[in-house]
Amino acid sequence: LGAILEWLRAGSKKGKGREQQRKDGCEWVRVTVDSYRFNDKVGKDADPDAMFAPRPPVWNARVEPDSFAFAPGEAYREVELIVDAPDFPGPDEAFNVTAWQGGEPSGGVTVTIHPGGGN
């Protein structure tokens, strides 16, 4: 996730909105997690609101920290995805971890969890 947030920091310079940068020069980032279902459209049919609409996680999941401010000159920030997967074998589940700045998605990653001790 650190690489995603480093990309996010570099991309934030494009200036999507002033609400992403505080008076002290720090850029506020919010990180969310939800369950992933691929049904995204591409090109003219792509709808960012639908693609990034929150879907409740299948299992309890959270990201720590779930929000922070990038200080001026800070290149990346580590975040941790914590998922309470069942102890018994079952189907894999995918989770989206999305970073948001200025109320818009700025980057993310999909993580697949193998329950029951799988890697």
C-alpha atoms as a PDB file:
ATOM      1  CA  LEU A   1       0.000   0.000   0.000  1.00  0.00           C
ATOM      2  CA  GLY A   2       2.955   2.330   0.557  1.00  0.00           C
ATOM      3  CA  ALA A   3       3.643   2.452  -3.194  1.00  0.00           C
ATOM      4  CA  ILE A   4       0.005   3.352  -3.889  1.00  0.00           C
ATOM      5  CA  LEU A   5       0.168   6.204  -1.410  1.00  0.00           C
ATOM      6  CA  GLU A   6       3.488   7.386  -2.854  1.00  0.00           C
ATOM      7  CA  TRP A   7       1.782   7.517  -6.261  1.00  0.00           C
ATOM      8  CA  LEU A   8      -1.120   9.310  -4.600  1.00  0.00           C
ATOM      9  CA  ARG A   9       1.240  11.957  -3.226  1.00  0.00           C
ATOM     10  CA  ALA A  10       2.788  12.566  -6.640  1.00  0.00           C
ATOM     11  CA  GLY A  11      -0.620  12.690  -8.325  1.00  0.00           C
ATOM     12  CA  SER A  12      -2.044  15.126  -5.798  1.00  0.00           C
ATOM     13  CA  LYS A  13       0.086  17.932  -7.204  1.00  0.00           C
ATOM     14  CA  LYS A  14      -2.326  18.071 -10.154  1.00  0.00           C
ATOM     15  CA  GLY A  15      -4.748  19.947  -7.879  1.00  0.00           C
ATOM     16  CA  LYS A  16      -8.195  18.334  -7.951  1.00  0.00           C
ATOM     17  CA  GLY A  17      -9.489  20.753  -5.303  1.00  0.00           C
ATOM     18  CA  ARG A  18      -8.313  23.075  -2.604  1.00  0.00           C
ATOM     19  CA  GLU A  19     -10.073  21.086   0.131  1.00  0.00           C
ATOM     20  CA  GLN A  20      -7.337  18.418  -0.102  1.00  0.00           C
ATOM     21  CA  GLN A  21      -4.631  20.827   1.116  1.00  0.00           C
ATOM     22  CA  ARG A  22      -4.762  22.389   4.563  1.00  0.00           C
ATOM     23  CA  LYS A  23      -3.434  25.832   5.444  1.00  0.00           C
ATOM     24  CA  ASP A  24      -0.285  24.281   6.942  1.00  0.00           C
ATOM     25  CA  GLY A  25       0.563  22.711   3.556  1.00  0.00           C
ATOM     26  CA  CYS A  26      -0.436  19.185   4.601  1.00  0.00           C
ATOM     27  CA  GLU A  27      -2.649  17.123   2.298  1.00  0.00           C
ATOM     28  CA  TRP A  28      -5.471  15.186   3.979  1.00  0.00           C
ATOM     29  CA  VAL A  29      -5.946  11.544   2.933  1.00  0.00           C
ATOM     30  CA  ARG A  30      -8.800   9.205   3.896  1.00  0.00           C
ATOM     31  CA  VAL A  31      -8.436   5.446   3.306  1.00  0.00           C
ATOM     32  CA  THR A  32     -11.450   3.122   3.025  1.00  0.00           C
ATOM     33  CA  VAL A  33     -11.923  -0.631   2.595  1.00  0.00           C
ATOM     34  CA  ASP A  34     -14.835  -2.482   1.036  1.00  0.00           C
ATOM     35  CA  SER A  35     -15.595  -5.766  -0.701  1.00  0.00           C
ATOM     36  CA  TYR A  36     -14.655  -5.977  -4.359  1.00  0.00           C
ATOM     37  CA  ARG A  37     -16.913  -7.093  -7.184  1.00  0.00           C
ATOM     38  CA  PHE A  38     -15.659  -6.573 -10.725  1.00  0.00           C
ATOM     39  CA  ASN A  39     -18.351  -5.062 -12.869  1.00  0.00           C
ATOM     40  CA  ASP A  40     -16.547  -1.868 -13.858  1.00  0.00           C
ATOM     41  CA  LYS A  41     -17.128  -0.401 -17.286  1.00  0.00           C
ATOM     42  CA  VAL A  42     -14.422   1.299 -19.340  1.00  0.00           C
ATOM     43  CA  GLY A  43     -14.137   4.297 -21.629  1.00  0.00           C
ATOM     44  CA  LYS A  44     -17.218   6.446 -22.108  1.00  0.00           C
ATOM     45  CA  ASP A  45     -19.311   3.919 -20.159  1.00  0.00           C
ATOM     46  CA  ALA A  46     -17.154   4.243 -17.020  1.00  0.00           C
ATOM     47  CA  ASP A  47     -18.985   5.742 -14.055  1.00  0.00           C
ATOM     48  CA  PRO A  48     -16.560   6.604 -11.204  1.00  0.00           C
ATOM     49  CA  ASP A  49     -19.449   7.005  -8.757  1.00  0.00           C
ATOM     50  CA  ALA A  50     -20.569   3.422  -9.429  1.00  0.00           C
ATOM     51  CA  MET A  51     -17.012   2.007  -9.514  1.00  0.00           C
ATOM     52  CA  PHE A  52     -16.089   3.552  -6.179  1.00  0.00           C
ATOM     53  CA  ALA A  53     -19.472   3.193  -4.456  1.00  0.00           C
ATOM     54  CA  PRO A  54     -18.883   1.574  -1.054  1.00  0.00           C
ATOM     55  CA  ARG A  55     -19.868  -2.073  -0.715  1.00  0.00           C
ATOM     56  CA  PRO A  56     -19.972  -3.514   2.796  1.00  0.00           C
ATOM     57  CA  PRO A  57     -17.022  -5.832   3.496  1.00  0.00           C
ATOM     58  CA  VAL A  58     -17.924  -9.533   3.505  1.00  0.00           C
ATOM     59  CA  TRP A  59     -15.862  -9.956   6.697  1.00  0.00           C
ATOM     60  CA  ASN A  60     -14.949  -7.316   9.273  1.00  0.00           C
ATOM     61  CA  ALA A  61     -12.151  -5.256   7.723  1.00  0.00           C
ATOM     62  CA  ARG A  62     -10.442  -2.000   8.552  1.00  0.00           C
ATOM     63  CA  VAL A  63      -7.409   0.068   7.618  1.00  0.00           C
ATOM     64  CA  GLU A  64      -5.077   1.657  10.183  1.00  0.00           C
ATOM     65  CA  PRO A  65      -4.653   4.537  10.060  1.00  0.00           C
ATOM     66  CA  ASP A  66      -7.840   5.306   8.162  1.00  0.00           C
ATOM     67  CA  SER A  67      -6.935   8.970   7.706  1.00  0.00           C
ATOM     68  CA  PHE A  68      -3.839  11.125   7.941  1.00  0.00           C
ATOM     69  CA  ALA A  69      -2.202  14.229   6.553  1.00  0.00           C
ATOM     70  CA  PHE A  70       0.764  14.100   4.202  1.00  0.00           C
ATOM     71  CA  ALA A  71       3.270  16.640   5.477  1.00  0.00           C
ATOM     72  CA  PRO A  72       5.087  18.807   2.928  1.00  0.00           C
ATOM     73  CA  GLY A  73       7.907  16.720   1.442  1.00  0.00           C
ATOM     74  CA  GLU A  74       6.543  13.401   2.799  1.00  0.00           C
ATOM     75  CA  ALA A  75       6.882  10.719   0.098  1.00  0.00           C
ATOM     76  CA  TYR A  76       4.723   7.833   1.418  1.00  0.00           C
ATOM     77  CA  ARG A  77       2.787   6.519   4.397  1.00  0.00           C
ATOM     78  CA  GLU A  78       2.342   2.890   5.418  1.00  0.00           C
ATOM     79  CA  VAL A  79      -1.163   1.668   6.166  1.00  0.00           C
ATOM     80  CA  GLU A  80      -2.240  -1.744   7.414  1.00  0.00           C
ATOM     81  CA  LEU A  81      -5.235  -3.741   6.189  1.00  0.00           C
ATOM     82  CA  ILE A  82      -6.734  -5.845   9.004  1.00  0.00           C
ATOM     83  CA  VAL A  83      -9.311  -8.481   8.012  1.00  0.00           C
ATOM     84  CA  ASP A  84     -11.101 -10.863  10.406  1.00  0.00           C
ATOM     85  CA  ALA A  85     -11.262 -13.822   8.011  1.00  0.00           C
ATOM     86  CA  PRO A  86     -12.799 -17.100   9.213  1.00  0.00           C
ATOM     87  CA  ASP A  87     -10.491 -19.829  10.529  1.00  0.00           C
ATOM     88  CA  PHE A  88     -12.073 -22.462   8.294  1.00  0.00           C
ATOM     89  CA  PRO A  89     -11.470 -22.933   4.553  1.00  0.00           C
ATOM     90  CA  GLY A  90     -13.805 -21.146   2.210  1.00  0.00           C
ATOM     91  CA  PRO A  91     -13.935 -19.077  -0.937  1.00  0.00           C
ATOM     92  CA  ASP A  92     -11.437 -16.285  -1.464  1.00  0.00           C
ATOM     93  CA  GLU A  93     -12.686 -12.756  -0.863  1.00  0.00           C
ATOM     94  CA  ALA A  94     -11.321  -9.579  -2.431  1.00  0.00           C
ATOM     95  CA  PHE A  95     -11.186  -6.186  -0.715  1.00  0.00           C
ATOM     96  CA  ASN A  96     -10.666  -2.744  -2.219  1.00  0.00           C
ATOM     97  CA  VAL A  97      -8.439  -0.355  -0.306  1.00  0.00           C
ATOM     98  CA  THR A  98      -9.020   3.133  -1.714  1.00  0.00           C
ATOM     99  CA  ALA A  99      -7.245   6.387  -0.895  1.00  0.00           C
ATOM    100  CA  TRP A 100      -9.349   9.552  -1.195  1.00  0.00           C
ATOM    101  CA  GLN A 101      -8.254  13.177  -1.454  1.00  0.00           C
ATOM    102  CA  GLY A 102     -10.534  16.153  -1.899  1.00  0.00           C
ATOM    103  CA  GLY A 103     -13.564  13.846  -1.843  1.00  0.00           C
ATOM    104  CA  GLU A 104     -12.365  11.934  -4.921  1.00  0.00           C
ATOM    105  CA  PRO A 105     -10.676   8.524  -5.228  1.00  0.00           C
ATOM    106  CA  SER A 106      -6.948   9.025  -5.792  1.00  0.00           C
ATOM    107  CA  GLY A 107      -5.652   5.460  -5.980  1.00  0.00           C
ATOM    108  CA  GLY A 108      -6.052   2.042  -4.504  1.00  0.00           C
ATOM    109  CA  VAL A 109      -5.316  -1.626  -4.517  1.00  0.00           C
ATOM    110  CA  THR A 110      -7.344  -4.852  -4.426  1.00  0.00           C
ATOM    111  CA  VAL A 111      -6.219  -7.494  -1.913  1.00  0.00           C
ATOM    112  CA  THR A 112      -7.429 -11.123  -2.072  1.00  0.00           C
ATOM    113  CA  ILE A 113      -7.720 -13.017   1.230  1.00  0.00           C
ATOM    114  CA  HIS A 114      -7.557 -16.829   1.326  1.00  0.00           C
ATOM    115  CA  PRO A 115      -9.459 -18.015   4.445  1.00  0.00           C
ATOM    116  CA  GLY A 116      -8.562 -21.021   6.537  1.00  0.00           C
ATOM    117  CA  GLY A 117      -4.820 -20.551   6.819  1.00  0.00           C
ATOM    118  CA  GLY A 118      -4.088 -20.172   3.095  1.00  0.00           C
ATOM    119  CA  ASN A 119      -1.642 -17.566   1.859  1.00  0.00           C
END
